[in-house]
Amino acid sequence: MASIKNETTALNTGSSLIQNLMSPSAYPHPVAAVRLVETHISWVLLTGDYVYKIKKPVNFGFLDFSTLEQRRHYCHEELRLNRRLAEEWYLGVVKIAGSIEQPQIDGSGDTIEYAVKMRQFPTAMTLKDRTKSGAIGPAEIDRITDLLADFHANIAKTDAESPYGGSNNIKHWFDENYHHIRSRLKNSAQLRQLEAIEYWGEAEWQAKTGLMEQRKKDGFVRECHGDMHLGNMTFIDGNIILFDCIEFNPMLRWIDVISEVAFLMIDLLHFNLGTLAYRFLNRYLQQTGDYQGIRLLRYYLVYRALVLAKVSLLRSEQQHDDAMRAQNFTEYRIYADLAERFTETSRPILLITHGFSGSGKSHYASQLAERISAVQLRSDIERKRLYGFRAEQSSGSRMGGGIYSEDASRKTYERLACLAQTVFEAGFSVIVDATFLKIAQRKQFRQLAVCCGVPFRILDFQAGDQVLIQRILQRQHQDASEATIEVLQRQQQTAEPLRTEDQDDVIAIDSESDQAIAVLLSELA
């Protein structure tokens, strides 16, 4: 009780300080007006040229800003971490001197508070704001994905001795959400929903704890951003800027990279942008090759939804306006429903493509994966990854040789089958994007579907010779595929046509038609 009273007193004192920092005279540079943005853990003062972020004197368990020294420390941590992604925007840590009644930013005398000083973004439009106005699409998602994949590839990794990222730590932070949520719920149906999610989370953790430990050993636990959602991204001069990393608890940023992927997916799904969520997932997996991580994706999707549900309740509690409290509680229900959704068992499906180079397989498989929440496995990318080449890198192989030899093709299809099984076991549908011009290749995946107990369909993409040639010429040197006109001619000469046993499973697609995706969705409904 005493700690709650002390925290309330500190918050009231902090609120008085913030009110007095609304005066332009409190700043060492010209200020016309000050605007305040408040979160559940910070006060953010926008002055025109600069932003000052002040931490609230709160202790939520998962973060503790209750002393001035802790707030100073975490200001410096915020600076260090965010300079990895937005160095030119994070300028330094400044003290606030003077008194509560007459504070001075970067003033002389005793320090009464600390703030992180940033350049103010030229627009207040985060990607969250752009999403609400319908101004975020595939191009923005692709830029975010490229940035995140590169970031994950270059940040610090754990080792076996690290205190971070073990399965017990993961479980602790998953379960920690229940304490904050349960104590703030009064509706019996919502409490039952939370109990069901908790039961699933315990069972899933028991099943996946070994994998969690293995991924830590393999270096997939890294010093990530930690708070990867659209509200912490902005678009400036053609560039995506990621900001506001988690600084307040290393346990919450030293995480499995797939947990970070799950955070952005949940945010996109929250805004009903499922196609963009799965575009992001597929592009990330194709760039990183981290298909083993998808085995933990549902666990982390539930976890991230619970985190955002918890934050919504905390924000609701701090609101003085009834309408804002109600809005935050509505947000809680959306996130709780998302968490529940990923605890439910779904029956995945195995789709394989069939067709010559240039027939539109990859183009339409990508669109279809986004629409049906599936994972697209591209043979062109996985073949190159298997032999140590980047997707856009030329292998220098001659037709029928190098990475396109018969043996290399056999190994590529084996790899695709192995990855497909991994994705099935994680509860997601798969589209295997390859030519599948050989009977043995199609038979291999039909048998895989039988063994895994999932439905099987063949997407047969068709186009005229002139269209095939035009598409191949247009994409040369711009895609993972290294197909040429000579390769197309060889395919046409050696292809083994679909057999009678295939026909019941075939969906024929005219890839020259504007209705190709509509036909696919209708056939799969």
Protein backbone atom coordinates (compact mmCIF):
# COMPACT_ATOMS: atom_id res chain seq x y z
CA MET A 1 0.00 0.00 0.00
CA ALA A 2 2.85 2.37 0.87
CA SER A 3 4.55 1.76 -2.47
CA ILE A 4 1.32 2.56 -4.34
CA LYS A 5 0.95 5.77 -2.34
CA ASN A 6 4.57 6.75 -3.04
CA GLU A 7 4.13 6.05 -6.74
CA THR A 8 0.96 8.15 -6.84
CA THR A 9 2.78 11.01 -5.13
CA ALA A 10 5.70 10.75 -7.55
CA LEU A 11 3.32 10.73 -10.52
CA ASN A 12 1.53 13.81 -9.21
CA THR A 13 4.87 15.58 -8.74
CA GLY A 14 5.91 14.51 -12.20
CA SER A 15 2.65 15.80 -13.65
CA SER A 16 3.30 19.18 -12.03
CA LEU A 17 6.79 19.22 -13.56
CA ILE A 18 5.38 18.42 -16.98
CA GLN A 19 2.78 21.18 -16.70
CA ASN A 20 5.55 23.69 -15.97
CA LEU A 21 7.64 22.33 -18.86
CA MET A 22 4.81 23.33 -21.19
CA SER A 23 6.17 26.88 -20.92
CA PRO A 24 8.50 27.85 -23.82
CA SER A 25 10.73 29.66 -21.31
CA ALA A 26 11.85 26.29 -19.88
CA TYR A 27 13.96 25.55 -22.97
CA PRO A 28 17.44 26.72 -24.03
CA HIS A 29 16.31 27.25 -27.63
CA PRO A 30 13.46 29.16 -29.27
CA VAL A 31 10.08 27.48 -28.76
CA ALA A 32 6.78 28.79 -30.07
CA ALA A 33 4.58 26.18 -28.35
CA VAL A 34 4.92 22.85 -26.56
CA ARG A 35 2.74 19.83 -27.25
CA LEU A 36 2.47 16.90 -24.83
CA VAL A 37 2.08 13.26 -25.84
CA GLU A 38 1.56 10.85 -22.94
CA THR A 39 2.05 7.07 -22.84
CA HIS A 40 1.64 4.72 -19.89
CA ILE A 41 5.39 5.04 -19.10
CA SER A 42 6.51 8.40 -20.55
CA TRP A 43 5.77 12.05 -21.09
CA VAL A 44 6.92 13.29 -24.50
CA LEU A 45 7.29 17.04 -25.04
CA LEU A 46 7.34 18.24 -28.65
CA THR A 47 8.86 21.70 -29.04
CA GLY A 48 9.13 22.12 -32.81
CA ASP A 49 12.80 21.35 -33.50
CA TYR A 50 13.38 18.93 -30.63
CA VAL A 51 11.55 16.31 -28.58
CA TYR A 52 12.20 15.63 -24.88
CA LYS A 53 11.13 12.26 -23.52
CA ILE A 54 10.78 11.99 -19.73
CA LYS A 55 10.17 8.70 -17.97
CA LYS A 56 7.31 8.41 -15.51
CA PRO A 57 8.24 7.40 -11.93
CA VAL A 58 6.34 4.11 -12.15
CA ASN A 59 7.04 0.49 -11.26
CA PHE A 60 5.03 -2.08 -13.22
CA GLY A 61 7.21 -5.05 -12.35
CA PHE A 62 8.37 -5.49 -15.92
CA LEU A 63 9.88 -1.99 -15.66
CA ASP A 64 11.03 0.12 -12.75
CA PHE A 65 11.53 3.88 -13.19
CA SER A 66 10.77 4.65 -9.56
CA THR A 67 14.08 6.42 -8.70
CA LEU A 68 15.89 9.29 -10.37
CA GLU A 69 19.03 7.16 -10.80
CA GLN A 70 17.05 4.44 -12.57
CA ARG A 71 15.51 7.01 -14.90
CA ARG A 72 18.97 8.43 -15.69
CA HIS A 73 20.34 4.95 -16.42
CA TYR A 74 17.48 4.03 -18.72
CA CYS A 75 17.70 7.34 -20.57
CA HIS A 76 21.27 6.43 -21.51
CA GLU A 77 20.21 2.92 -22.46
CA GLU A 78 17.48 4.36 -24.67
CA LEU A 79 20.06 6.51 -26.42
CA ARG A 80 22.46 3.60 -27.00
CA LEU A 81 19.85 1.21 -28.31
CA ASN A 82 18.02 3.59 -30.61
CA ARG A 83 21.16 4.90 -32.22
CA ARG A 84 21.48 1.45 -33.84
CA LEU A 85 18.50 2.27 -36.05
CA ALA A 86 18.03 6.05 -35.84
CA GLU A 87 21.40 7.56 -34.93
CA GLU A 88 20.80 10.97 -36.43
CA TRP A 89 17.53 11.41 -34.54
CA TYR A 90 18.69 10.54 -31.00
CA LEU A 91 20.87 13.42 -29.81
CA GLY A 92 21.67 12.85 -26.13
CA VAL A 93 20.54 12.75 -22.52
CA VAL A 94 19.91 16.11 -20.86
CA LYS A 95 19.24 17.02 -17.26
CA ILE A 96 16.37 19.13 -16.03
CA ALA A 97 17.48 21.54 -13.31
CA GLY A 98 15.90 24.30 -11.24
CA SER A 99 12.70 23.47 -9.37
CA ILE A 100 9.38 21.78 -10.06
CA GLU A 101 7.82 25.23 -10.28
CA GLN A 102 10.51 26.71 -12.56
CA PRO A 103 12.29 23.87 -14.37
CA GLN A 104 15.02 24.44 -16.96
CA ILE A 105 15.94 21.94 -19.66
CA ASP A 106 19.74 21.51 -19.71
CA GLY A 107 19.96 24.12 -16.97
CA SER A 108 22.51 24.65 -14.19
CA GLY A 109 22.18 23.51 -10.61
CA ASP A 110 20.92 20.31 -9.09
CA THR A 111 19.24 17.76 -11.33
CA ILE A 112 15.55 17.14 -10.69
CA GLU A 113 14.92 14.94 -13.73
CA TYR A 114 16.45 13.56 -16.95
CA ALA A 115 15.19 13.50 -20.51
CA VAL A 116 16.21 11.93 -23.81
CA LYS A 117 16.64 14.67 -26.41
CA MET A 118 15.70 13.87 -29.99
CA ARG A 119 15.27 15.70 -33.23
CA GLN A 120 11.56 16.12 -33.84
CA PHE A 121 10.29 14.22 -36.83
CA PRO A 122 9.14 16.56 -39.63
CA THR A 123 5.71 14.96 -39.42
CA ALA A 124 3.78 13.45 -36.55
CA MET A 125 2.60 10.67 -38.86
CA THR A 126 3.78 7.30 -37.61
CA LEU A 127 3.02 4.26 -39.71
CA LYS A 128 0.20 3.61 -37.25
CA ASP A 129 -1.32 6.94 -38.28
CA ARG A 130 -0.74 6.16 -41.95
CA THR A 131 -2.42 2.79 -41.48
CA LYS A 132 -5.54 4.46 -40.10
CA SER A 133 -5.69 6.67 -43.18
CA GLY A 134 -5.11 3.75 -45.56
CA ALA A 135 -1.65 5.01 -46.60
CA ILE A 136 0.39 1.89 -45.88
CA GLY A 137 0.76 -0.87 -48.43
CA PRO A 138 3.08 -3.50 -49.86
CA ALA A 139 5.91 -1.05 -50.62
CA GLU A 140 6.12 0.09 -46.99
CA ILE A 141 5.93 -3.48 -45.70
CA ASP A 142 8.74 -4.54 -48.01
CA ARG A 143 10.95 -1.71 -46.75
CA ILE A 144 10.23 -2.58 -43.14
CA THR A 145 11.00 -6.24 -43.80
CA ASP A 146 14.29 -5.51 -45.52
CA LEU A 147 15.32 -3.19 -42.71
CA LEU A 148 14.36 -5.66 -39.99
CA ALA A 149 16.04 -8.65 -41.66
CA ASP A 150 19.26 -6.66 -42.02
CA PHE A 151 19.02 -5.41 -38.43
CA HIS A 152 18.53 -8.93 -37.07
CA ALA A 153 21.49 -10.17 -39.09
CA ASN A 154 23.87 -7.63 -37.53
CA ILE A 155 22.88 -7.21 -33.87
CA ALA A 156 24.48 -8.88 -30.87
CA LYS A 157 23.65 -12.56 -30.22
CA THR A 158 23.48 -14.58 -27.03
CA ASP A 159 25.66 -17.55 -26.27
CA ALA A 160 25.10 -20.59 -24.07
CA GLU A 161 26.19 -18.66 -20.96
CA SER A 162 23.88 -15.69 -21.48
CA PRO A 163 21.20 -15.06 -18.81
CA TYR A 164 18.77 -14.07 -21.56
CA GLY A 165 16.45 -16.03 -23.78
CA GLY A 166 16.19 -19.33 -21.92
CA SER A 167 12.87 -21.16 -21.93
CA ASN A 168 12.18 -20.36 -18.26
CA ASN A 169 12.66 -16.64 -18.93
CA ILE A 170 10.37 -16.85 -21.95
CA LYS A 171 7.69 -18.53 -19.84
CA HIS A 172 8.09 -15.96 -17.05
CA TRP A 173 7.32 -13.04 -19.36
CA PHE A 174 4.50 -14.92 -21.07
CA ASP A 175 2.89 -15.70 -17.70
CA GLU A 176 3.61 -12.23 -16.30
CA ASN A 177 0.90 -10.85 -18.56
CA TYR A 178 -1.79 -12.82 -16.72
CA HIS A 179 -1.05 -11.10 -13.39
CA HIS A 180 -1.58 -7.62 -14.84
CA ILE A 181 -4.58 -8.59 -16.97
CA ARG A 182 -6.51 -10.79 -14.53
CA SER A 183 -6.48 -8.23 -11.72
CA ARG A 184 -8.02 -5.65 -14.06
CA LEU A 185 -10.85 -7.79 -15.48
CA LYS A 186 -14.33 -8.06 -13.97
CA ASN A 187 -16.25 -9.70 -16.83
CA SER A 188 -16.58 -13.47 -16.25
CA ALA A 189 -16.47 -14.33 -19.98
CA GLN A 190 -13.23 -12.39 -20.38
CA LEU A 191 -11.76 -14.13 -17.34
CA ARG A 192 -12.69 -17.53 -18.81
CA GLN A 193 -11.09 -16.52 -22.11
CA LEU A 194 -7.90 -15.56 -20.31
CA GLU A 195 -7.90 -18.87 -18.40
CA ALA A 196 -8.21 -20.83 -21.66
CA ILE A 197 -5.31 -18.89 -23.20
CA GLU A 198 -3.25 -19.53 -20.06
CA TYR A 199 -3.95 -23.28 -20.28
CA TRP A 200 -2.89 -23.35 -23.93
CA GLY A 201 0.24 -21.32 -23.21
CA GLU A 202 1.38 -23.77 -20.52
CA ALA A 203 0.89 -26.77 -22.82
CA GLU A 204 2.61 -25.07 -25.75
CA TRP A 205 5.57 -24.07 -23.61
CA GLN A 206 5.94 -27.63 -22.33
CA ALA A 207 5.99 -28.88 -25.93
CA LYS A 208 8.43 -26.24 -27.20
CA THR A 209 10.84 -25.65 -24.32
CA GLY A 210 13.56 -27.79 -25.92
CA LEU A 211 13.30 -25.83 -29.16
CA MET A 212 13.51 -22.54 -27.25
CA GLU A 213 16.75 -23.66 -25.61
CA GLN A 214 18.17 -24.87 -28.91
CA ARG A 215 17.44 -21.59 -30.62
CA LYS A 216 19.24 -19.74 -27.85
CA LYS A 217 22.28 -21.99 -28.35
CA ASP A 218 22.07 -21.43 -32.11
CA GLY A 219 22.19 -17.64 -31.72
CA PHE A 220 18.61 -16.73 -32.57
CA VAL A 221 18.19 -14.84 -29.29
CA ARG A 222 19.55 -11.37 -30.02
CA GLU A 223 19.47 -7.80 -28.68
CA CYS A 224 16.41 -6.84 -30.68
CA HIS A 225 14.29 -3.71 -30.89
CA GLY A 226 11.76 -5.24 -28.50
CA ASP A 227 8.77 -3.01 -29.29
CA MET A 228 8.33 -3.58 -33.00
CA HIS A 229 4.95 -2.09 -33.85
CA LEU A 230 3.70 0.52 -36.32
CA GLY A 231 3.49 3.26 -33.70
CA ASN A 232 7.28 3.10 -33.40
CA MET A 233 7.93 3.59 -37.10
CA THR A 234 7.78 6.64 -39.32
CA PHE A 235 8.39 7.41 -42.99
CA ILE A 236 10.77 10.30 -43.74
CA ASP A 237 12.29 11.27 -47.09
CA GLY A 238 11.57 7.87 -48.55
CA ASN A 239 13.06 5.97 -45.60
CA ILE A 240 11.46 3.91 -42.84
CA ILE A 241 12.77 5.00 -39.42
CA LEU A 242 12.41 2.59 -36.50
CA PHE A 243 12.59 4.19 -33.06
CA ASP A 244 11.70 3.68 -29.38
CA CYS A 245 13.47 0.39 -28.66
CA ILE A 246 12.81 -1.24 -25.30
CA GLU A 247 15.43 0.08 -22.93
CA PHE A 248 13.82 -0.58 -19.57
CA ASN A 249 14.35 -4.34 -19.32
CA PRO A 250 17.02 -6.34 -21.14
CA MET A 251 14.94 -9.50 -20.74
CA LEU A 252 12.34 -7.95 -23.04
CA ARG A 253 14.72 -7.03 -25.86
CA TRP A 254 17.13 -10.00 -25.70
CA ILE A 255 14.58 -12.19 -27.42
CA ASP A 256 14.20 -14.71 -30.20
CA VAL A 257 14.05 -12.85 -33.50
CA ILE A 258 10.83 -14.67 -34.38
CA SER A 259 9.22 -13.07 -31.31
CA GLU A 260 9.98 -9.68 -32.86
CA VAL A 261 8.43 -10.83 -36.13
CA ALA A 262 5.32 -11.90 -34.21
CA PHE A 263 4.96 -8.44 -32.64
CA LEU A 264 4.66 -6.65 -35.98
CA MET A 265 2.37 -9.36 -37.34
CA ILE A 266 -0.03 -8.92 -34.41
CA ASP A 267 -0.04 -5.16 -34.92
CA LEU A 268 -0.89 -5.56 -38.60
CA LEU A 269 -3.58 -8.12 -37.81
CA HIS A 270 -5.00 -5.73 -35.21
CA PHE A 271 -5.57 -3.23 -38.03
CA ASN A 272 -7.18 -5.95 -40.20
CA LEU A 273 -4.15 -6.00 -42.49
CA GLY A 274 -3.79 -9.77 -42.68
CA THR A 275 -2.48 -9.75 -46.25
CA LEU A 276 0.31 -7.36 -45.25
CA ALA A 277 1.07 -9.42 -42.13
CA TYR A 278 1.67 -12.54 -44.22
CA ARG A 279 3.52 -10.59 -46.91
CA PHE A 280 5.86 -9.43 -44.15
CA LEU A 281 6.24 -12.97 -42.75
CA ASN A 282 6.98 -14.54 -46.12
CA ARG A 283 9.46 -11.89 -47.20
CA TYR A 284 11.24 -12.13 -43.85
CA LEU A 285 11.48 -15.93 -44.00
CA GLN A 286 12.67 -15.87 -47.61
CA GLN A 287 15.38 -13.37 -46.74
CA THR A 288 16.56 -15.03 -43.53
CA GLY A 289 15.77 -18.70 -44.12
CA ASP A 290 14.61 -18.97 -40.50
CA TYR A 291 11.85 -21.49 -41.17
CA GLN A 292 12.62 -23.35 -37.94
CA GLY A 293 11.51 -20.23 -36.11
CA ILE A 294 7.98 -20.63 -37.42
CA ARG A 295 7.58 -23.57 -35.04
CA LEU A 296 7.45 -20.98 -32.24
CA LEU A 297 5.47 -18.37 -34.15
CA ARG A 298 2.01 -19.16 -32.75
CA TYR A 299 3.37 -19.09 -29.18
CA TYR A 300 4.90 -15.69 -29.77
CA LEU A 301 1.81 -14.37 -31.60
CA VAL A 302 -0.25 -15.21 -28.51
CA TYR A 303 2.41 -13.67 -26.25
CA ARG A 304 2.59 -10.44 -28.25
CA ALA A 305 -1.19 -10.13 -28.35
CA LEU A 306 -1.25 -10.52 -24.56
CA VAL A 307 1.44 -7.85 -24.15
CA LEU A 308 -0.57 -5.37 -26.19
CA ALA A 309 -3.76 -6.36 -24.35
CA LYS A 310 -1.99 -5.66 -21.04
CA VAL A 311 -0.73 -2.29 -22.25
CA SER A 312 -4.26 -1.35 -23.34
CA LEU A 313 -5.54 -2.03 -19.82
CA LEU A 314 -2.70 -0.05 -18.23
CA ARG A 315 -3.44 2.90 -20.50
CA SER A 316 -7.14 2.67 -19.73
CA GLU A 317 -6.36 2.88 -16.02
CA GLN A 318 -4.39 6.11 -16.49
CA GLN A 319 -7.05 7.87 -18.55
CA HIS A 320 -9.16 10.62 -17.00
CA ASP A 321 -11.58 10.74 -19.94
CA ASP A 322 -14.37 8.13 -19.98
CA ALA A 323 -14.35 7.88 -23.77
CA MET A 324 -10.61 7.24 -23.86
CA ARG A 325 -10.92 4.61 -21.11
CA ALA A 326 -13.61 2.85 -23.13
CA GLN A 327 -11.50 3.03 -26.29
CA ASN A 328 -8.52 1.45 -24.54
CA PHE A 329 -10.70 -1.30 -23.14
CA THR A 330 -12.03 -2.00 -26.63
CA GLU A 331 -8.41 -2.33 -27.73
CA TYR A 332 -7.92 -4.89 -24.97
CA ARG A 333 -10.77 -7.03 -26.32
CA ILE A 334 -9.34 -6.94 -29.85
CA TYR A 335 -5.93 -8.12 -28.67
CA ALA A 336 -7.41 -10.78 -26.37
CA ASP A 337 -9.41 -12.16 -29.30
CA LEU A 338 -6.27 -12.24 -31.42
CA ALA A 339 -4.46 -14.17 -28.69
CA GLU A 340 -7.32 -16.65 -28.52
CA ARG A 341 -7.35 -17.03 -32.31
CA PHE A 342 -3.80 -18.36 -32.41
CA THR A 343 -4.48 -20.90 -29.67
CA GLU A 344 -7.05 -22.58 -31.89
CA THR A 345 -6.08 -25.57 -34.00
CA SER A 346 -6.38 -25.08 -37.74
CA ARG A 347 -6.07 -27.63 -40.53
CA PRO A 348 -3.35 -26.55 -42.95
CA ILE A 349 -3.31 -27.34 -46.66
CA LEU A 350 -0.45 -28.21 -49.03
CA LEU A 351 -0.50 -26.46 -52.40
CA ILE A 352 2.13 -27.02 -55.05
CA THR A 353 2.48 -25.00 -58.22
CA HIS A 354 2.96 -26.50 -61.67
CA GLY A 355 4.07 -24.71 -64.81
CA PHE A 356 6.93 -23.51 -66.96
CA SER A 357 9.20 -20.61 -66.08
CA GLY A 358 7.33 -17.36 -66.70
CA SER A 359 3.89 -18.91 -66.14
CA GLY A 360 3.20 -16.66 -63.15
CA LYS A 361 3.73 -19.23 -60.40
CA SER A 362 5.74 -17.05 -58.01
CA HIS A 363 3.67 -13.93 -58.68
CA TYR A 364 0.37 -15.58 -57.90
CA ALA A 365 1.70 -17.89 -55.19
CA SER A 366 2.89 -14.80 -53.32
CA GLN A 367 -0.50 -13.10 -53.61
CA LEU A 368 -2.34 -16.27 -52.66
CA ALA A 369 -0.15 -16.85 -49.59
CA GLU A 370 -1.04 -13.37 -48.36
CA ARG A 371 -4.76 -13.97 -48.89
CA ILE A 372 -5.00 -17.41 -47.23
CA SER A 373 -2.40 -16.82 -44.46
CA ALA A 374 0.02 -19.37 -45.88
CA VAL A 375 3.80 -19.70 -46.12
CA GLN A 376 5.30 -19.58 -49.62
CA LEU A 377 8.40 -21.71 -50.18
CA ARG A 378 10.21 -20.57 -53.32
CA SER A 379 12.42 -23.17 -54.98
CA ASP A 380 14.52 -20.49 -56.68
CA ILE A 381 15.46 -19.01 -53.29
CA GLU A 382 15.88 -22.26 -51.38
CA ARG A 383 17.98 -23.81 -54.16
CA LYS A 384 20.40 -20.91 -53.95
CA ARG A 385 20.40 -20.92 -50.15
CA LEU A 386 21.20 -24.64 -50.21
CA TYR A 387 24.33 -23.94 -52.22
CA GLY A 388 25.43 -20.78 -50.42
CA PHE A 389 24.12 -18.12 -52.82
CA ARG A 390 21.99 -15.10 -51.99
CA ALA A 391 18.61 -14.91 -53.70
CA GLU A 392 19.67 -12.10 -56.07
CA GLN A 393 23.14 -13.53 -56.69
CA SER A 394 23.94 -15.30 -59.96
CA SER A 395 25.14 -18.86 -59.44
CA GLY A 396 26.99 -18.88 -62.78
CA SER A 397 25.52 -22.32 -63.49
CA ARG A 398 25.08 -23.55 -67.02
CA MET A 399 21.77 -25.09 -68.11
CA GLY A 400 21.46 -28.51 -66.50
CA GLY A 401 24.68 -28.06 -64.50
CA GLY A 402 25.90 -26.49 -61.27
CA ILE A 403 22.99 -25.83 -58.92
CA TYR A 404 20.59 -26.88 -61.70
CA SER A 405 21.98 -30.39 -62.13
CA GLU A 406 19.67 -33.36 -61.65
CA ASP A 407 21.24 -34.09 -58.27
CA ALA A 408 20.96 -30.47 -57.16
CA SER A 409 17.29 -30.42 -58.17
CA ARG A 410 16.62 -33.60 -56.20
CA LYS A 411 18.24 -32.06 -53.11
CA THR A 412 16.27 -28.84 -53.61
CA TYR A 413 12.94 -30.67 -53.65
CA GLU A 414 13.98 -32.66 -50.59
CA ARG A 415 14.74 -29.39 -48.80
CA LEU A 416 11.37 -27.96 -49.83
CA ALA A 417 9.62 -31.07 -48.50
CA CYS A 418 11.47 -30.81 -45.18
CA LEU A 419 10.59 -27.12 -44.83
CA ALA A 420 6.96 -27.77 -45.77
CA GLN A 421 6.66 -30.38 -43.03
CA THR A 422 8.13 -27.93 -40.51
CA VAL A 423 5.54 -25.34 -41.48
CA PHE A 424 2.68 -27.87 -41.26
CA GLU A 425 3.76 -28.89 -37.79
CA ALA A 426 3.62 -25.22 -36.79
CA GLY A 427 -0.02 -25.08 -37.93
CA PHE A 428 0.32 -23.06 -41.14
CA SER A 429 -0.60 -23.85 -44.74
CA VAL A 430 2.14 -24.08 -47.37
CA ILE A 431 2.46 -23.13 -51.02
CA VAL A 432 5.50 -24.80 -52.56
CA ASP A 433 6.46 -22.60 -55.50
CA ALA A 434 8.42 -24.69 -58.04
CA THR A 435 7.92 -25.96 -61.59
CA PHE A 436 7.02 -29.54 -60.53
CA LEU A 437 7.45 -30.70 -64.11
CA LYS A 438 8.43 -34.26 -63.11
CA ILE A 439 6.03 -36.99 -62.00
CA ALA A 440 8.36 -38.03 -59.17
CA GLN A 441 8.43 -34.49 -57.76
CA ARG A 442 4.63 -34.26 -57.64
CA LYS A 443 4.36 -37.77 -56.19
CA GLN A 444 6.83 -36.88 -53.43
CA PHE A 445 4.66 -34.01 -52.22
CA ARG A 446 1.40 -35.91 -52.62
CA GLN A 447 2.85 -38.54 -50.27
CA LEU A 448 3.98 -35.81 -47.88
CA ALA A 449 0.40 -34.50 -47.72
CA VAL A 450 -0.90 -38.01 -46.97
CA CYS A 451 1.70 -38.56 -44.24
CA CYS A 452 0.92 -35.19 -42.64
CA GLY A 453 -2.84 -35.65 -43.02
CA VAL A 454 -3.40 -32.42 -44.94
CA PRO A 455 -5.37 -31.69 -48.14
CA PHE A 456 -3.34 -31.50 -51.36
CA ARG A 457 -3.90 -29.41 -54.48
CA ILE A 458 -1.89 -28.68 -57.64
CA LEU A 459 -2.06 -25.13 -58.99
CA ASP A 460 -1.51 -25.51 -62.73
CA PHE A 461 -0.42 -22.14 -64.17
CA GLN A 462 -0.79 -21.70 -67.89
CA ALA A 463 0.23 -18.95 -70.33
CA GLY A 464 1.02 -18.65 -74.05
CA ASP A 465 4.58 -18.93 -75.35
CA GLN A 466 4.89 -15.23 -76.13
CA VAL A 467 3.82 -14.28 -72.62
CA LEU A 468 6.24 -16.80 -71.10
CA ILE A 469 9.11 -15.36 -73.14
CA GLN A 470 8.16 -11.76 -72.34
CA ARG A 471 7.99 -12.41 -68.60
CA ILE A 472 11.34 -14.22 -68.55
CA LEU A 473 13.04 -11.37 -70.38
CA GLN A 474 11.46 -8.74 -68.10
CA ARG A 475 12.61 -10.32 -64.86
CA GLN A 476 16.13 -11.37 -65.84
CA HIS A 477 18.68 -10.11 -63.29
CA GLN A 478 15.84 -8.80 -61.09
CA ASP A 479 14.66 -12.01 -59.45
CA ALA A 480 15.96 -15.14 -57.75
CA SER A 481 15.02 -17.12 -60.85
CA GLU A 482 17.82 -17.62 -63.39
CA ALA A 483 15.51 -18.99 -66.08
CA THR A 484 16.31 -18.05 -69.69
CA ILE A 485 14.58 -18.68 -73.00
CA GLU A 486 16.84 -21.72 -73.45
CA VAL A 487 15.75 -23.05 -70.05
CA LEU A 488 12.09 -22.58 -71.03
CA GLN A 489 12.62 -24.51 -74.26
CA ARG A 490 14.33 -27.32 -72.36
CA GLN A 491 11.44 -27.47 -69.89
CA GLN A 492 8.91 -27.72 -72.70
CA GLN A 493 10.86 -30.57 -74.28
CA THR A 494 11.36 -32.64 -71.10
CA ALA A 495 8.27 -31.92 -68.97
CA GLU A 496 6.27 -34.91 -67.84
CA PRO A 497 2.59 -33.92 -68.15
CA LEU A 498 0.03 -34.18 -65.39
CA ARG A 499 -1.38 -37.69 -65.18
CA THR A 500 -4.92 -38.92 -64.69
CA GLU A 501 -4.34 -39.42 -60.96
CA ASP A 502 -3.44 -35.73 -60.67
CA GLN A 503 -6.59 -34.35 -62.27
CA ASP A 504 -8.88 -34.48 -59.25
CA ASP A 505 -6.42 -32.26 -57.39
CA VAL A 506 -5.65 -29.77 -60.17
CA ILE A 507 -6.79 -26.16 -60.23
CA ALA A 508 -6.08 -24.81 -63.72
CA ILE A 509 -5.18 -21.12 -63.79
CA ASP A 510 -4.96 -18.87 -66.83
CA SER A 511 -2.25 -16.55 -65.56
CA GLU A 512 -2.94 -14.06 -68.38
CA SER A 513 -6.39 -13.43 -66.92
CA ASP A 514 -7.18 -10.58 -64.54
CA GLN A 515 -9.33 -13.05 -62.61
CA ALA A 516 -6.52 -15.47 -61.72
CA ILE A 517 -6.50 -14.73 -57.98
CA ALA A 518 -10.30 -14.65 -57.81
CA VAL A 519 -10.44 -18.08 -59.46
CA LEU A 520 -7.85 -19.45 -57.04
CA LEU A 521 -9.68 -18.14 -53.98
CA SER A 522 -13.00 -19.45 -55.28
CA GLU A 523 -11.59 -22.94 -55.95
CA LEU A 524 -9.98 -23.10 -52.50
CA ALA A 525 -12.99 -21.78 -50.59
